[in-house]
Amino acid sequence: MAVLASAGDTALIVLAAFWGLLVLFLCIVLINTFRVLESTKMLIDGIREETVPLLHEVKGSVERANQQLDHVDNIMSRVSNISTLVEQAVSSPLMKLVAFGAGVSKAARRFRGGKKA
């Protein structure tokens, strides 16, 4: 007794084989995806291990630079104050000296009989 497969049976066998190949293909894709994700996770962990200490160093450097800038700002403020004080101390006597010189010059011209201004 020979069992003959009908067309429907043959179609079901082909469909089952196709589904089997599809499942195998999807398993291979998922395994490769898992490997890529695992590799990416390891890369990110390595970067994190290297960058966190580096960021702490950068933070320290920036804080030290800010301290130095504050120090320079204080020095510049003091220089500005000293400059203002020197200007005030020198300008008033200097202007008096110039005015006195102009007055003496005018008086000397009048005394010599020069032009009247």
C-alpha atoms as a PDB file:
ATOM      1  CA  MET A   1       0.000   0.000   0.000  1.00  0.00           C
ATOM      2  CA  ALA A   2       1.503   3.178  -1.154  1.00  0.00           C
ATOM      3  CA  VAL A   3       0.483   6.402   0.360  1.00  0.00           C
ATOM      4  CA  LEU A   4       0.264   9.186  -2.102  1.00  0.00           C
ATOM      5  CA  ALA A   5       0.578  12.717  -0.867  1.00  0.00           C
ATOM      6  CA  SER A   6      -1.967  15.075  -2.137  1.00  0.00           C
ATOM      7  CA  ALA A   7      -1.183  18.578  -3.346  1.00  0.00           C
ATOM      8  CA  GLY A   8      -2.345  20.044  -0.041  1.00  0.00           C
ATOM      9  CA  ASP A   9       0.000  17.773   1.899  1.00  0.00           C
ATOM     10  CA  THR A  10       2.910  18.775  -0.314  1.00  0.00           C
ATOM     11  CA  ALA A  11       2.085  22.469   0.149  1.00  0.00           C
ATOM     12  CA  LEU A  12       2.017  22.010   3.940  1.00  0.00           C
ATOM     13  CA  ILE A  13       5.420  20.283   3.889  1.00  0.00           C
ATOM     14  CA  VAL A  14       6.921  23.131   1.796  1.00  0.00           C
ATOM     15  CA  LEU A  15       5.327  25.693   4.092  1.00  0.00           C
ATOM     16  CA  ALA A  16       6.717  23.932   7.196  1.00  0.00           C
ATOM     17  CA  ALA A  17      10.201  23.852   5.645  1.00  0.00           C
ATOM     18  CA  PHE A  18       9.931  27.545   4.781  1.00  0.00           C
ATOM     19  CA  TRP A  19       8.881  28.379   8.354  1.00  0.00           C
ATOM     20  CA  GLY A  20      11.775  26.309   9.675  1.00  0.00           C
ATOM     21  CA  LEU A  21      14.262  28.194   7.495  1.00  0.00           C
ATOM     22  CA  LEU A  22      12.700  31.503   8.504  1.00  0.00           C
ATOM     23  CA  VAL A  23      13.028  30.665  12.203  1.00  0.00           C
ATOM     24  CA  LEU A  24      16.659  29.610  11.670  1.00  0.00           C
ATOM     25  CA  PHE A  25      17.410  32.852   9.821  1.00  0.00           C
ATOM     26  CA  LEU A  26      15.775  34.942  12.595  1.00  0.00           C
ATOM     27  CA  CYS A  27      17.786  33.052  15.240  1.00  0.00           C
ATOM     28  CA  ILE A  28      21.019  33.878  13.403  1.00  0.00           C
ATOM     29  CA  VAL A  29      20.003  37.543  13.102  1.00  0.00           C
ATOM     30  CA  LEU A  30      19.120  37.712  16.815  1.00  0.00           C
ATOM     31  CA  ILE A  31      22.426  36.086  17.819  1.00  0.00           C
ATOM     32  CA  ASN A  32      24.384  38.588  15.704  1.00  0.00           C
ATOM     33  CA  THR A  33      22.322  41.460  17.125  1.00  0.00           C
ATOM     34  CA  PHE A  34      23.048  40.226  20.654  1.00  0.00           C
ATOM     35  CA  ARG A  35      26.781  40.132  19.867  1.00  0.00           C
ATOM     36  CA  VAL A  36      26.705  43.678  18.493  1.00  0.00           C
ATOM     37  CA  LEU A  37      24.791  44.942  21.528  1.00  0.00           C
ATOM     38  CA  GLU A  38      27.184  43.182  23.911  1.00  0.00           C
ATOM     39  CA  SER A  39      30.168  44.686  22.094  1.00  0.00           C
ATOM     40  CA  THR A  40      28.550  48.137  22.208  1.00  0.00           C
ATOM     41  CA  LYS A  41      27.879  47.757  25.934  1.00  0.00           C
ATOM     42  CA  MET A  42      31.525  46.839  26.552  1.00  0.00           C
ATOM     43  CA  LEU A  43      32.669  49.838  24.490  1.00  0.00           C
ATOM     44  CA  ILE A  44      30.400  52.219  26.399  1.00  0.00           C
ATOM     45  CA  ASP A  45      31.587  50.803  29.743  1.00  0.00           C
ATOM     46  CA  GLY A  46      35.220  51.294  28.675  1.00  0.00           C
ATOM     47  CA  ILE A  47      34.561  54.866  27.603  1.00  0.00           C
ATOM     48  CA  ARG A  48      32.780  55.574  30.885  1.00  0.00           C
ATOM     49  CA  GLU A  49      35.697  54.172  32.884  1.00  0.00           C
ATOM     50  CA  GLU A  50      38.118  56.451  31.036  1.00  0.00           C
ATOM     51  CA  THR A  51      36.048  59.634  30.834  1.00  0.00           C
ATOM     52  CA  VAL A  52      34.796  59.884  34.417  1.00  0.00           C
ATOM     53  CA  PRO A  53      38.317  60.334  35.893  1.00  0.00           C
ATOM     54  CA  LEU A  54      39.184  62.664  33.018  1.00  0.00           C
ATOM     55  CA  LEU A  55      36.142  64.814  33.782  1.00  0.00           C
ATOM     56  CA  HIS A  56      37.196  64.997  37.439  1.00  0.00           C
ATOM     57  CA  GLU A  57      40.625  66.225  36.333  1.00  0.00           C
ATOM     58  CA  VAL A  58      39.063  68.802  34.017  1.00  0.00           C
ATOM     59  CA  LYS A  59      36.793  69.986  36.824  1.00  0.00           C
ATOM     60  CA  GLY A  60      39.795  70.462  39.102  1.00  0.00           C
ATOM     61  CA  SER A  61      41.688  72.340  36.397  1.00  0.00           C
ATOM     62  CA  VAL A  62      38.751  74.652  35.759  1.00  0.00           C
ATOM     63  CA  GLU A  63      38.369  75.346  39.477  1.00  0.00           C
ATOM     64  CA  ARG A  64      42.076  76.202  39.777  1.00  0.00           C
ATOM     65  CA  ALA A  65      41.860  78.442  36.695  1.00  0.00           C
ATOM     66  CA  ASN A  66      38.851  80.236  38.203  1.00  0.00           C
ATOM     67  CA  GLN A  67      40.788  80.802  41.433  1.00  0.00           C
ATOM     68  CA  GLN A  68      43.680  82.284  39.472  1.00  0.00           C
ATOM     69  CA  LEU A  69      41.295  84.498  37.492  1.00  0.00           C
ATOM     70  CA  ASP A  70      39.768  85.746  40.743  1.00  0.00           C
ATOM     71  CA  HIS A  71      43.271  86.496  42.015  1.00  0.00           C
ATOM     72  CA  VAL A  72      44.136  88.405  38.820  1.00  0.00           C
ATOM     73  CA  ASP A  73      40.831  90.271  39.048  1.00  0.00           C
ATOM     74  CA  ASN A  74      41.678  91.372  42.592  1.00  0.00           C
ATOM     75  CA  ILE A  75      45.121  92.528  41.458  1.00  0.00           C
ATOM     76  CA  MET A  76      43.642  94.471  38.537  1.00  0.00           C
ATOM     77  CA  SER A  77      41.100  96.090  40.856  1.00  0.00           C
ATOM     78  CA  ARG A  78      43.884  97.188  43.192  1.00  0.00           C
ATOM     79  CA  VAL A  79      45.942  98.542  40.285  1.00  0.00           C
ATOM     80  CA  SER A  80      42.910 100.484  39.079  1.00  0.00           C
ATOM     81  CA  ASN A  81      42.377 101.962  42.535  1.00  0.00           C
ATOM     82  CA  ILE A  82      46.054 102.916  42.826  1.00  0.00           C
ATOM     83  CA  SER A  83      45.959 104.457  39.352  1.00  0.00           C
ATOM     84  CA  THR A  84      42.942 106.558  40.306  1.00  0.00           C
ATOM     85  CA  LEU A  85      44.617 107.681  43.525  1.00  0.00           C
ATOM     86  CA  VAL A  86      47.833 108.630  41.711  1.00  0.00           C
ATOM     87  CA  GLU A  87      45.856 110.514  39.089  1.00  0.00           C
ATOM     88  CA  GLN A  88      43.972 112.457  41.738  1.00  0.00           C
ATOM     89  CA  ALA A  89      47.128 113.156  43.736  1.00  0.00           C
ATOM     90  CA  VAL A  90      49.145 114.346  40.745  1.00  0.00           C
ATOM     91  CA  SER A  91      46.542 116.136  38.647  1.00  0.00           C
ATOM     92  CA  SER A  92      45.476 118.722  41.206  1.00  0.00           C
ATOM     93  CA  PRO A  93      49.000 120.004  42.060  1.00  0.00           C
ATOM     94  CA  LEU A  94      50.004 119.787  38.412  1.00  0.00           C
ATOM     95  CA  MET A  95      47.044 121.907  37.344  1.00  0.00           C
ATOM     96  CA  LYS A  96      47.873 124.411  40.086  1.00  0.00           C
ATOM     97  CA  LEU A  97      51.466 124.507  38.886  1.00  0.00           C
ATOM     98  CA  VAL A  98      50.389 125.087  35.268  1.00  0.00           C
ATOM     99  CA  ALA A  99      47.968 127.823  36.342  1.00  0.00           C
ATOM    100  CA  PHE A 100      50.652 129.414  38.488  1.00  0.00           C
ATOM    101  CA  GLY A 101      53.090 129.299  35.564  1.00  0.00           C
ATOM    102  CA  ALA A 102      50.531 130.884  33.257  1.00  0.00           C
ATOM    103  CA  GLY A 103      49.846 133.601  35.829  1.00  0.00           C
ATOM    104  CA  VAL A 104      53.560 134.292  36.317  1.00  0.00           C
ATOM    105  CA  SER A 105      54.044 134.445  32.543  1.00  0.00           C
ATOM    106  CA  LYS A 106      51.156 136.871  32.160  1.00  0.00           C
ATOM    107  CA  ALA A 107      52.416 139.005  35.019  1.00  0.00           C
ATOM    108  CA  ALA A 108      55.949 139.052  33.572  1.00  0.00           C
ATOM    109  CA  ARG A 109      54.599 140.227  30.192  1.00  0.00           C
ATOM    110  CA  ARG A 110      52.614 142.992  31.837  1.00  0.00           C
ATOM    111  CA  PHE A 111      55.565 143.946  33.942  1.00  0.00           C
ATOM    112  CA  ARG A 112      57.750 144.237  30.833  1.00  0.00           C
ATOM    113  CA  GLY A 113      55.089 146.308  29.194  1.00  0.00           C
ATOM    114  CA  GLY A 114      53.966 143.693  26.715  1.00  0.00           C
ATOM    115  CA  LYS A 115      50.512 143.192  25.295  1.00  0.00           C
ATOM    116  CA  LYS A 116      47.550 143.152  27.549  1.00  0.00           C
ATOM    117  CA  ALA A 117      45.557 140.027  27.306  1.00  0.00           C
END
